[in-house]
Amino acid sequence: MKKILALSLALSASLVFAKDIEGVVEDIDGGAKTITVSGNVIAVKPNTKIKYDGCKGERDSYKKFGDIQVDDFVDVDVTTSKGALVAKSIEIQCRQ
């Protein structure tokens, strides 16, 4: 019974979960490909979808990591992998 419980706990600890983090980009590390939002360091992978939410008649458009700037307001859909936050998608919000 103890072995089953230990195995169950180990499996649940390795499961990936998703959540949203909203806030202002506080820091960008181009070398590590991370952004810091609301105190959370988030890895941005090559397959992360980055979208700009257009305003004032602008169309929404897809962006690259290099387009993200400090002070951008973002909504990041994150997951965890081996204890680290990883961005599945980033939406850069329009500031009017």
PDB file of N, CA and C in Angstrom:
ATOM      1  N   MET A   1       0.816  -1.189   0.000  1.00  0.00           N
ATOM      2  CA  MET A   1       0.000   0.000   0.000  1.00  0.00           C
ATOM      3  C   MET A   1       0.867   1.264   0.000  1.00  0.00           C
ATOM      4  N   LYS A   2       1.956   1.247   0.791  1.00  0.00           N
ATOM      5  CA  LYS A   2       2.838   2.411   0.832  1.00  0.00           C
ATOM      6  C   LYS A   2       3.492   2.654  -0.518  1.00  0.00           C
ATOM      7  N   LYS A   3       3.843   1.563  -1.227  1.00  0.00           N
ATOM      8  CA  LYS A   3       4.458   1.704  -2.541  1.00  0.00           C
ATOM      9  C   LYS A   3       3.484   2.338  -3.533  1.00  0.00           C
ATOM     10  N   ILE A   4       2.228   1.945  -3.464  1.00  0.00           N
ATOM     11  CA  ILE A   4       1.215   2.501  -4.361  1.00  0.00           C
ATOM     12  C   ILE A   4       1.021   3.987  -4.071  1.00  0.00           C
ATOM     13  N   LEU A   5       0.968   4.350  -2.818  1.00  0.00           N
ATOM     14  CA  LEU A   5       0.811   5.747  -2.431  1.00  0.00           C
ATOM     15  C   LEU A   5       2.010   6.568  -2.883  1.00  0.00           C
ATOM     16  N   ALA A   6       3.206   6.044  -2.699  1.00  0.00           N
ATOM     17  CA  ALA A   6       4.417   6.761  -3.112  1.00  0.00           C
ATOM     18  C   ALA A   6       4.436   6.942  -4.629  1.00  0.00           C
ATOM     19  N   LEU A   7       4.065   5.912  -5.376  1.00  0.00           N
ATOM     20  CA  LEU A   7       4.020   5.998  -6.826  1.00  0.00           C
ATOM     21  C   LEU A   7       2.974   7.015  -7.270  1.00  0.00           C
ATOM     22  N   SER A   8       1.832   6.994  -6.636  1.00  0.00           N
ATOM     23  CA  SER A   8       0.763   7.942  -6.953  1.00  0.00           C
ATOM     24  C   SER A   8       1.210   9.379  -6.714  1.00  0.00           C
ATOM     25  N   LEU A   9       1.877   9.630  -5.599  1.00  0.00           N
ATOM     26  CA  LEU A   9       2.380  10.974  -5.296  1.00  0.00           C
ATOM     27  C   LEU A   9       3.442  11.408  -6.300  1.00  0.00           C
ATOM     28  N   ALA A  10       4.311  10.507  -6.677  1.00  0.00           N
ATOM     29  CA  ALA A  10       5.360  10.833  -7.641  1.00  0.00           C
ATOM     30  C   ALA A  10       4.762  11.177  -8.996  1.00  0.00           C
ATOM     31  N   LEU A  11       3.769  10.434  -9.424  1.00  0.00           N
ATOM     32  CA  LEU A  11       3.120  10.710 -10.705  1.00  0.00           C
ATOM     33  C   LEU A  11       2.385  12.045 -10.689  1.00  0.00           C
ATOM     34  N   SER A  12       1.676  12.325  -9.610  1.00  0.00           N
ATOM     35  CA  SER A  12       0.931  13.582  -9.549  1.00  0.00           C
ATOM     36  C   SER A  12       1.865  14.787  -9.480  1.00  0.00           C
ATOM     37  N   ALA A  13       3.030  14.631  -8.902  1.00  0.00           N
ATOM     38  CA  ALA A  13       3.990  15.734  -8.813  1.00  0.00           C
ATOM     39  C   ALA A  13       4.571  16.061 -10.179  1.00  0.00           C
ATOM     40  N   SER A  14       4.613  15.087 -11.083  1.00  0.00           N
ATOM     41  CA  SER A  14       5.194  15.328 -12.397  1.00  0.00           C
ATOM     42  C   SER A  14       4.162  15.776 -13.423  1.00  0.00           C
ATOM     43  N   LEU A  15       2.894  15.816 -13.047  1.00  0.00           N
ATOM     44  CA  LEU A  15       1.858  16.238 -13.979  1.00  0.00           C
ATOM     45  C   LEU A  15       2.010  17.710 -14.303  1.00  0.00           C
ATOM     46  N   VAL A  16       1.650  18.049 -15.518  1.00  0.00           N
ATOM     47  CA  VAL A  16       1.724  19.423 -15.979  1.00  0.00           C
ATOM     48  C   VAL A  16       0.366  20.078 -15.758  1.00  0.00           C
ATOM     49  N   PHE A  17       0.376  21.308 -15.260  1.00  0.00           N
ATOM     50  CA  PHE A  17      -0.883  22.027 -15.124  1.00  0.00           C
ATOM     51  C   PHE A  17      -0.767  23.358 -15.850  1.00  0.00           C
ATOM     52  N   ALA A  18      -1.900  23.922 -16.202  1.00  0.00           N
ATOM     53  CA  ALA A  18      -1.898  25.187 -16.942  1.00  0.00           C
ATOM     54  C   ALA A  18      -2.648  26.240 -16.147  1.00  0.00           C
ATOM     55  N   LYS A  19      -2.197  27.495 -16.290  1.00  0.00           N
ATOM     56  CA  LYS A  19      -2.878  28.615 -15.671  1.00  0.00           C
ATOM     57  C   LYS A  19      -2.498  29.878 -16.431  1.00  0.00           C
ATOM     58  N   ASP A  20      -3.167  30.958 -16.127  1.00  0.00           N
ATOM     59  CA  ASP A  20      -2.867  32.246 -16.752  1.00  0.00           C
ATOM     60  C   ASP A  20      -2.154  33.149 -15.757  1.00  0.00           C
ATOM     61  N   ILE A  21      -1.210  33.903 -16.271  1.00  0.00           N
ATOM     62  CA  ILE A  21      -0.552  34.935 -15.477  1.00  0.00           C
ATOM     63  C   ILE A  21      -0.690  36.230 -16.273  1.00  0.00           C
ATOM     64  N   GLU A  22      -1.301  37.220 -15.656  1.00  0.00           N
ATOM     65  CA  GLU A  22      -1.468  38.523 -16.293  1.00  0.00           C
ATOM     66  C   GLU A  22      -0.636  39.550 -15.547  1.00  0.00           C
ATOM     67  N   GLY A  23      -0.108  40.499 -16.296  1.00  0.00           N
ATOM     68  CA  GLY A  23       0.634  41.563 -15.656  1.00  0.00           C
ATOM     69  C   GLY A  23       1.581  42.244 -16.617  1.00  0.00           C
ATOM     70  N   VAL A  24       2.388  43.104 -16.059  1.00  0.00           N
ATOM     71  CA  VAL A  24       3.352  43.883 -16.830  1.00  0.00           C
ATOM     72  C   VAL A  24       4.668  43.110 -16.917  1.00  0.00           C
ATOM     73  N   VAL A  25       5.274  43.125 -18.097  1.00  0.00           N
ATOM     74  CA  VAL A  25       6.589  42.506 -18.271  1.00  0.00           C
ATOM     75  C   VAL A  25       7.596  43.357 -17.512  1.00  0.00           C
ATOM     76  N   GLU A  26       8.205  42.755 -16.495  1.00  0.00           N
ATOM     77  CA  GLU A  26       9.143  43.469 -15.627  1.00  0.00           C
ATOM     78  C   GLU A  26      10.580  43.328 -16.088  1.00  0.00           C
ATOM     79  N   ASP A  27      10.903  42.190 -16.738  1.00  0.00           N
ATOM     80  CA  ASP A  27      12.270  41.936 -17.162  1.00  0.00           C
ATOM     81  C   ASP A  27      12.247  40.952 -18.321  1.00  0.00           C
ATOM     82  N   ILE A  28      13.245  41.064 -19.190  1.00  0.00           N
ATOM     83  CA  ILE A  28      13.410  40.146 -20.310  1.00  0.00           C
ATOM     84  C   ILE A  28      14.861  39.683 -20.318  1.00  0.00           C
ATOM     85  N   ASP A  29      15.070  38.378 -20.399  1.00  0.00           N
ATOM     86  CA  ASP A  29      16.412  37.809 -20.516  1.00  0.00           C
ATOM     87  C   ASP A  29      16.501  37.158 -21.889  1.00  0.00           C
ATOM     88  N   GLY A  30      17.109  37.875 -22.841  1.00  0.00           N
ATOM     89  CA  GLY A  30      17.205  37.383 -24.207  1.00  0.00           C
ATOM     90  C   GLY A  30      18.036  36.126 -24.342  1.00  0.00           C
ATOM     91  N   GLY A  31      19.069  35.992 -23.523  1.00  0.00           N
ATOM     92  CA  GLY A  31      19.923  34.808 -23.575  1.00  0.00           C
ATOM     93  C   GLY A  31      19.207  33.558 -23.115  1.00  0.00           C
ATOM     94  N   ALA A  32      18.495  33.684 -22.019  1.00  0.00           N
ATOM     95  CA  ALA A  32      17.772  32.544 -21.454  1.00  0.00           C
ATOM     96  C   ALA A  32      16.386  32.389 -22.062  1.00  0.00           C
ATOM     97  N   LYS A  33      15.952  33.377 -22.857  1.00  0.00           N
ATOM     98  CA  LYS A  33      14.612  33.398 -23.458  1.00  0.00           C
ATOM     99  C   LYS A  33      13.537  33.290 -22.371  1.00  0.00           C
ATOM    100  N   THR A  34      13.613  34.206 -21.403  1.00  0.00           N
ATOM    101  CA  THR A  34      12.605  34.264 -20.343  1.00  0.00           C
ATOM    102  C   THR A  34      12.076  35.681 -20.220  1.00  0.00           C
ATOM    103  N   ILE A  35      10.848  35.770 -19.711  1.00  0.00           N
ATOM    104  CA  ILE A  35      10.273  37.053 -19.331  1.00  0.00           C
ATOM    105  C   ILE A  35       9.838  36.936 -17.873  1.00  0.00           C
ATOM    106  N   THR A  36       9.827  38.062 -17.177  1.00  0.00           N
ATOM    107  CA  THR A  36       9.342  38.085 -15.800  1.00  0.00           C
ATOM    108  C   THR A  36       8.070  38.895 -15.771  1.00  0.00           C
ATOM    109  N   VAL A  37       6.995  38.257 -15.295  1.00  0.00           N
ATOM    110  CA  VAL A  37       5.678  38.885 -15.207  1.00  0.00           C
ATOM    111  C   VAL A  37       5.141  38.648 -13.804  1.00  0.00           C
ATOM    112  N   SER A  38       4.794  39.715 -13.133  1.00  0.00           N
ATOM    113  CA  SER A  38       4.258  39.621 -11.768  1.00  0.00           C
ATOM    114  C   SER A  38       5.155  38.780 -10.869  1.00  0.00           C
ATOM    115  N   GLY A  39       6.470  38.946 -11.025  1.00  0.00           N
ATOM    116  CA  GLY A  39       7.428  38.222 -10.195  1.00  0.00           C
ATOM    117  C   GLY A  39       7.694  36.795 -10.623  1.00  0.00           C
ATOM    118  N   ASN A  40       7.045  36.328 -11.681  1.00  0.00           N
ATOM    119  CA  ASN A  40       7.220  34.961 -12.170  1.00  0.00           C
ATOM    120  C   ASN A  40       8.143  34.946 -13.384  1.00  0.00           C
ATOM    121  N   VAL A  41       9.208  34.156 -13.314  1.00  0.00           N
ATOM    122  CA  VAL A  41      10.098  33.990 -14.460  1.00  0.00           C
ATOM    123  C   VAL A  41       9.508  32.887 -15.331  1.00  0.00           C
ATOM    124  N   ILE A  42       9.248  33.233 -16.603  1.00  0.00           N
ATOM    125  CA  ILE A  42       8.549  32.332 -17.519  1.00  0.00           C
ATOM    126  C   ILE A  42       9.414  32.084 -18.741  1.00  0.00           C
ATOM    127  N   ALA A  43       9.674  30.818 -19.039  1.00  0.00           N
ATOM    128  CA  ALA A  43      10.453  30.453 -20.227  1.00  0.00           C
ATOM    129  C   ALA A  43       9.586  30.593 -21.469  1.00  0.00           C
ATOM    130  N   VAL A  44      10.168  31.153 -22.522  1.00  0.00           N
ATOM    131  CA  VAL A  44       9.483  31.286 -23.809  1.00  0.00           C
ATOM    132  C   VAL A  44      10.190  30.356 -24.791  1.00  0.00           C
ATOM    133  N   LYS A  45       9.477  29.363 -25.266  1.00  0.00           N
ATOM    134  CA  LYS A  45      10.034  28.342 -26.152  1.00  0.00           C
ATOM    135  C   LYS A  45       9.779  28.704 -27.615  1.00  0.00           C
ATOM    136  N   PRO A  46      10.486  28.061 -28.558  1.00  0.00           N
ATOM    137  CA  PRO A  46      10.265  28.350 -29.980  1.00  0.00           C
ATOM    138  C   PRO A  46       8.825  28.110 -30.443  1.00  0.00           C
ATOM    139  N   ASN A  47       8.119  27.190 -29.782  1.00  0.00           N
ATOM    140  CA  ASN A  47       6.739  26.905 -30.186  1.00  0.00           C
ATOM    141  C   ASN A  47       5.699  27.743 -29.436  1.00  0.00           C
ATOM    142  N   THR A  48       6.138  28.685 -28.598  1.00  0.00           N
ATOM    143  CA  THR A  48       5.214  29.570 -27.888  1.00  0.00           C
ATOM    144  C   THR A  48       4.563  30.514 -28.895  1.00  0.00           C
ATOM    145  N   LYS A  49       3.238  30.569 -28.890  1.00  0.00           N
ATOM    146  CA  LYS A  49       2.521  31.483 -29.771  1.00  0.00           C
ATOM    147  C   LYS A  49       2.479  32.863 -29.108  1.00  0.00           C
ATOM    148  N   ILE A  50       2.937  33.879 -29.824  1.00  0.00           N
ATOM    149  CA  ILE A  50       2.956  35.245 -29.312  1.00  0.00           C
ATOM    150  C   ILE A  50       2.082  36.090 -30.219  1.00  0.00           C
ATOM    151  N   LYS A  51       1.071  36.714 -29.642  1.00  0.00           N
ATOM    152  CA  LYS A  51       0.109  37.475 -30.433  1.00  0.00           C
ATOM    153  C   LYS A  51      -0.055  38.872 -29.847  1.00  0.00           C
ATOM    154  N   TYR A  52      -0.132  39.859 -30.721  1.00  0.00           N
ATOM    155  CA  TYR A  52      -0.417  41.232 -30.307  1.00  0.00           C
ATOM    156  C   TYR A  52      -1.898  41.474 -30.511  1.00  0.00           C
ATOM    157  N   ASP A  53      -2.566  41.934 -29.460  1.00  0.00           N
ATOM    158  CA  ASP A  53      -3.994  42.236 -29.518  1.00  0.00           C
ATOM    159  C   ASP A  53      -4.135  43.677 -30.001  1.00  0.00           C
ATOM    160  N   GLY A  54      -4.396  43.838 -31.284  1.00  0.00           N
ATOM    161  CA  GLY A  54      -4.452  45.163 -31.899  1.00  0.00           C
ATOM    162  C   GLY A  54      -5.522  46.057 -31.301  1.00  0.00           C
ATOM    163  N   CYS A  55      -5.299  47.352 -31.396  1.00  0.00           N
ATOM    164  CA  CYS A  55      -6.278  48.320 -30.902  1.00  0.00           C
ATOM    165  C   CYS A  55      -6.402  49.471 -31.898  1.00  0.00           C
ATOM    166  N   LYS A  56      -7.396  50.299 -31.680  1.00  0.00           N
ATOM    167  CA  LYS A  56      -7.628  51.471 -32.534  1.00  0.00           C
ATOM    168  C   LYS A  56      -7.679  51.078 -34.003  1.00  0.00           C
ATOM    169  N   GLY A  57      -8.396  50.012 -34.306  1.00  0.00           N
ATOM    170  CA  GLY A  57      -8.547  49.582 -35.689  1.00  0.00           C
ATOM    171  C   GLY A  57      -7.424  48.716 -36.214  1.00  0.00           C
ATOM    172  N   GLU A  58      -6.370  48.511 -35.415  1.00  0.00           N
ATOM    173  CA  GLU A  58      -5.279  47.636 -35.840  1.00  0.00           C
ATOM    174  C   GLU A  58      -5.748  46.187 -35.830  1.00  0.00           C
ATOM    175  N   ARG A  59      -5.183  45.411 -36.680  1.00  0.00           N
ATOM    176  CA  ARG A  59      -5.482  43.977 -36.692  1.00  0.00           C
ATOM    177  C   ARG A  59      -4.596  43.267 -35.671  1.00  0.00           C
ATOM    178  N   ASP A  60      -5.115  42.176 -35.142  1.00  0.00           N
ATOM    179  CA  ASP A  60      -4.278  41.321 -34.313  1.00  0.00           C
ATOM    180  C   ASP A  60      -3.163  40.780 -35.203  1.00  0.00           C
ATOM    181  N   SER A  61      -1.993  40.558 -34.628  1.00  0.00           N
ATOM    182  CA  SER A  61      -0.883  40.037 -35.423  1.00  0.00           C
ATOM    183  C   SER A  61      -0.002  39.143 -34.561  1.00  0.00           C
ATOM    184  N   TYR A  62       0.696  38.251 -35.227  1.00  0.00           N
ATOM    185  CA  TYR A  62       1.605  37.360 -34.518  1.00  0.00           C
ATOM    186  C   TYR A  62       2.974  38.013 -34.433  1.00  0.00           C
ATOM    187  N   LYS A  63       3.639  37.804 -33.307  1.00  0.00           N
ATOM    188  CA  LYS A  63       4.919  38.440 -33.027  1.00  0.00           C
ATOM    189  C   LYS A  63       5.965  37.397 -32.677  1.00  0.00           C
ATOM    190  N   LYS A  64       7.206  37.884 -32.479  1.00  0.00           N
ATOM    191  CA  LYS A  64       8.325  37.032 -32.071  1.00  0.00           C
ATOM    192  C   LYS A  64       8.775  37.447 -30.671  1.00  0.00           C
ATOM    193  N   PHE A  65       9.614  36.628 -30.064  1.00  0.00           N
ATOM    194  CA  PHE A  65      10.129  36.918 -28.730  1.00  0.00           C
ATOM    195  C   PHE A  65      10.741  38.314 -28.674  1.00  0.00           C
ATOM    196  N   GLY A  66      11.490  38.695 -29.700  1.00  0.00           N
ATOM    197  CA  GLY A  66      12.156  39.993 -29.735  1.00  0.00           C
ATOM    198  C   GLY A  66      11.210  41.182 -29.766  1.00  0.00           C
ATOM    199  N   ASP A  67       9.933  40.947 -30.061  1.00  0.00           N
ATOM    200  CA  ASP A  67       8.947  42.026 -30.095  1.00  0.00           C
ATOM    201  C   ASP A  67       8.396  42.371 -28.710  1.00  0.00           C
ATOM    202  N   ILE A  68       8.590  41.494 -27.745  1.00  0.00           N
ATOM    203  CA  ILE A  68       8.101  41.742 -26.387  1.00  0.00           C
ATOM    204  C   ILE A  68       8.999  42.787 -25.733  1.00  0.00           C
ATOM    205  N   GLN A  69       8.375  43.739 -25.046  1.00  0.00           N
ATOM    206  CA  GLN A  69       9.129  44.805 -24.410  1.00  0.00           C
ATOM    207  C   GLN A  69       8.785  44.908 -22.926  1.00  0.00           C
ATOM    208  N   VAL A  70       9.751  45.376 -22.145  1.00  0.00           N
ATOM    209  CA  VAL A  70       9.488  45.682 -20.746  1.00  0.00           C
ATOM    210  C   VAL A  70       8.362  46.711 -20.719  1.00  0.00           C
ATOM    211  N   ASP A  71       7.451  46.578 -19.774  1.00  0.00           N
ATOM    212  CA  ASP A  71       6.264  47.416 -19.580  1.00  0.00           C
ATOM    213  C   ASP A  71       5.084  47.026 -20.457  1.00  0.00           C
ATOM    214  N   ASP A  72       5.235  46.023 -21.356  1.00  0.00           N
ATOM    215  CA  ASP A  72       4.069  45.508 -22.071  1.00  0.00           C
ATOM    216  C   ASP A  72       3.152  44.820 -21.064  1.00  0.00           C
ATOM    217  N   PHE A  73       1.841  44.978 -21.240  1.00  0.00           N
ATOM    218  CA  PHE A  73       0.889  44.231 -20.423  1.00  0.00           C
ATOM    219  C   PHE A  73       0.561  42.959 -21.191  1.00  0.00           C
ATOM    220  N   VAL A  74       0.748  41.801 -20.544  1.00  0.00           N
ATOM    221  CA  VAL A  74       0.574  40.521 -21.218  1.00  0.00           C
ATOM    222  C   VAL A  74      -0.343  39.591 -20.430  1.00  0.00           C
ATOM    223  N   ASP A  75      -0.941  38.677 -21.173  1.00  0.00           N
ATOM    224  CA  ASP A  75      -1.710  37.578 -20.604  1.00  0.00           C
ATOM    225  C   ASP A  75      -0.997  36.318 -21.089  1.00  0.00           C
ATOM    226  N   VAL A  76      -0.391  35.582 -20.155  1.00  0.00           N
ATOM    227  CA  VAL A  76       0.438  34.430 -20.511  1.00  0.00           C
ATOM    228  C   VAL A  76      -0.249  33.153 -20.040  1.00  0.00           C
ATOM    229  N   ASP A  77      -0.469  32.241 -20.969  1.00  0.00           N
ATOM    230  CA  ASP A  77      -0.994  30.914 -20.651  1.00  0.00           C
ATOM    231  C   ASP A  77       0.226  30.048 -20.373  1.00  0.00           C
ATOM    232  N   VAL A  78       0.410  29.658 -19.108  1.00  0.00           N
ATOM    233  CA  VAL A  78       1.607  28.917 -18.722  1.00  0.00           C
ATOM    234  C   VAL A  78       1.289  27.494 -18.308  1.00  0.00           C
ATOM    235  N   THR A  79       2.307  26.688 -18.390  1.00  0.00           N
ATOM    236  CA  THR A  79       2.276  25.327 -17.893  1.00  0.00           C
ATOM    237  C   THR A  79       3.566  25.144 -17.089  1.00  0.00           C
ATOM    238  N   THR A  80       3.665  24.078 -16.361  1.00  0.00           N
ATOM    239  CA  THR A  80       4.912  23.821 -15.641  1.00  0.00           C
ATOM    240  C   THR A  80       5.563  22.568 -16.208  1.00  0.00           C
ATOM    241  N   SER A  81       6.868  22.611 -16.220  1.00  0.00           N
ATOM    242  CA  SER A  81       7.653  21.469 -16.659  1.00  0.00           C
ATOM    243  C   SER A  81       8.876  21.387 -15.763  1.00  0.00           C
ATOM    244  N   LYS A  82       8.965  20.313 -15.004  1.00  0.00           N
ATOM    245  CA  LYS A  82      10.081  20.109 -14.079  1.00  0.00           C
ATOM    246  C   LYS A  82      10.230  21.293 -13.123  1.00  0.00           C
ATOM    247  N   GLY A  83       9.104  21.815 -12.679  1.00  0.00           N
ATOM    248  CA  GLY A  83       9.105  22.891 -11.695  1.00  0.00           C
ATOM    249  C   GLY A  83       9.275  24.286 -12.264  1.00  0.00           C
ATOM    250  N   ALA A  84       9.459  24.403 -13.577  1.00  0.00           N
ATOM    251  CA  ALA A  84       9.646  25.715 -14.199  1.00  0.00           C
ATOM    252  C   ALA A  84       8.385  26.121 -14.954  1.00  0.00           C
ATOM    253  N   LEU A  85       8.099  27.431 -14.988  1.00  0.00           N
ATOM    254  CA  LEU A  85       6.973  27.934 -15.755  1.00  0.00           C
ATOM    255  C   LEU A  85       7.381  28.077 -17.213  1.00  0.00           C
ATOM    256  N   VAL A  86       6.522  27.602 -18.109  1.00  0.00           N
ATOM    257  CA  VAL A  86       6.779  27.659 -19.543  1.00  0.00           C
ATOM    258  C   VAL A  86       5.551  28.263 -20.222  1.00  0.00           C
ATOM    259  N   ALA A  87       5.768  29.253 -21.087  1.00  0.00           N
ATOM    260  CA  ALA A  87       4.659  29.903 -21.788  1.00  0.00           C
ATOM    261  C   ALA A  87       4.178  29.049 -22.940  1.00  0.00           C
ATOM    262  N   LYS A  88       2.870  28.748 -22.941  1.00  0.00           N
ATOM    263  CA  LYS A  88       2.250  28.101 -24.095  1.00  0.00           C
ATOM    264  C   LYS A  88       1.864  29.162 -25.108  1.00  0.00           C
ATOM    265  N   SER A  89       1.337  30.287 -24.605  1.00  0.00           N
ATOM    266  CA  SER A  89       0.984  31.405 -25.467  1.00  0.00           C
ATOM    267  C   SER A  89       1.113  32.703 -24.677  1.00  0.00           C
ATOM    268  N   ILE A  90       1.395  33.780 -25.414  1.00  0.00           N
ATOM    269  CA  ILE A  90       1.502  35.107 -24.819  1.00  0.00           C
ATOM    270  C   ILE A  90       0.659  36.051 -25.664  1.00  0.00           C
ATOM    271  N   GLU A  91      -0.227  36.783 -25.012  1.00  0.00           N
ATOM    272  CA  GLU A  91      -0.995  37.809 -25.707  1.00  0.00           C
ATOM    273  C   GLU A  91      -0.562  39.160 -25.173  1.00  0.00           C
ATOM    274  N   ILE A  92       0.010  39.976 -26.056  1.00  0.00           N
ATOM    275  CA  ILE A  92       0.419  41.327 -25.696  1.00  0.00           C
ATOM    276  C   ILE A  92      -0.809  42.215 -25.842  1.00  0.00           C
ATOM    277  N   GLN A  93      -1.227  42.822 -24.751  1.00  0.00           N
ATOM    278  CA  GLN A  93      -2.453  43.628 -24.759  1.00  0.00           C
ATOM    279  C   GLN A  93      -2.177  45.037 -25.276  1.00  0.00           C
ATOM    280  N   CYS A  94      -3.149  45.579 -25.950  1.00  0.00           N
ATOM    281  CA  CYS A  94      -3.067  46.954 -26.434  1.00  0.00           C
ATOM    282  C   CYS A  94      -3.218  47.896 -25.266  1.00  0.00           C
ATOM    283  N   ARG A  95      -2.387  48.921 -25.231  1.00  0.00           N
ATOM    284  CA  ARG A  95      -2.490  49.978 -24.208  1.00  0.00           C
ATOM    285  C   ARG A  95      -2.939  51.252 -24.898  1.00  0.00           C
ATOM    286  N   GLN A  96      -4.112  51.696 -24.540  1.00  0.00           N
ATOM    287  CA  GLN A  96      -4.646  52.912 -25.179  1.00  0.00           C
ATOM    288  C   GLN A  96      -4.394  54.125 -24.366  1.00  0.00           C
TER     289      GLN A  96
END
